[in-house]
Protein backbone atom coordinates (compact mmCIF):
# COMPACT_ATOMS: atom_id res chain seq x y z
CA MET A 1 13.39 -61.11 2.30
CA LEU A 2 10.56 -58.98 1.85
CA SER A 3 7.10 -59.34 1.79
CA ALA A 4 5.21 -58.91 -1.14
CA SER A 5 3.60 -55.55 0.14
CA GLU A 6 7.23 -54.27 1.00
CA LEU A 7 8.32 -55.09 -2.87
CA ILE A 8 5.43 -53.45 -4.34
CA TYR A 9 6.00 -50.30 -2.18
CA LEU A 10 9.72 -50.18 -3.06
CA LEU A 11 8.92 -50.88 -6.92
CA SER A 12 6.14 -47.86 -6.56
CA ARG A 13 8.44 -45.42 -4.85
CA GLU A 14 11.15 -46.13 -7.67
CA ARG A 15 8.46 -45.47 -10.21
CA GLN A 16 7.16 -42.10 -8.53
CA SER A 17 10.76 -41.03 -7.94
CA ARG A 18 11.76 -41.50 -11.74
CA ALA A 19 8.34 -39.68 -12.78
CA MET A 20 9.08 -36.69 -10.38
CA ALA A 21 12.70 -36.65 -11.85
CA LYS A 22 11.20 -36.16 -15.31
CA ARG A 23 9.06 -33.22 -14.00
CA ALA A 24 11.74 -31.65 -11.97
CA ARG A 25 13.21 -28.22 -13.74
CA ASP A 26 16.10 -28.06 -11.09
CA PRO A 27 19.09 -30.39 -12.55
CA ALA A 28 20.18 -30.89 -8.63
CA ILE A 29 16.44 -32.17 -8.09
CA ARG A 30 16.26 -34.14 -10.77
CA HIS A 31 19.45 -35.93 -9.67
CA ILE A 32 18.24 -36.43 -6.18
CA HIS A 33 15.01 -38.46 -7.54
CA ILE A 34 17.02 -40.34 -9.85
CA ALA A 35 19.31 -41.15 -6.77
CA LEU A 36 16.29 -42.19 -4.68
CA ALA A 37 14.40 -44.17 -7.51
CA GLU A 38 18.14 -46.04 -8.21
CA ALA A 39 18.26 -46.82 -4.21
CA TYR A 40 14.53 -48.02 -4.14
CA ALA A 41 15.31 -50.11 -7.01
CA ARG A 42 18.70 -51.52 -5.73
CA ARG A 43 16.97 -52.41 -2.39
CA ALA A 44 14.17 -54.19 -4.38
CA ARG A 45 16.58 -56.15 -6.54
CA GLU A 46 18.59 -57.11 -3.33
CA THR A 47 16.13 -58.24 -1.05
CA GLY A 48 13.74 -59.25 -3.66
CA ASP A 49 13.22 -62.74 -2.48
CA LEU A 50 9.87 -62.61 -1.36
CA LYS A 51 8.66 -64.12 2.30
CA ALA A 52 6.34 -66.91 2.25
CA GLY A 53 3.09 -65.87 3.75
């Protein structure tokens, strides 16, 4: 389970990675940022249950 701050962090990193992918001129770099964004989103989704507290 994630704390609220961990979930916020993961979702923030996902948004940042997607924004960086949009700005990337090199397709290889764009692909890396998209892969990172998807990994952050997957982690948030898979462990999205929040810890009480």
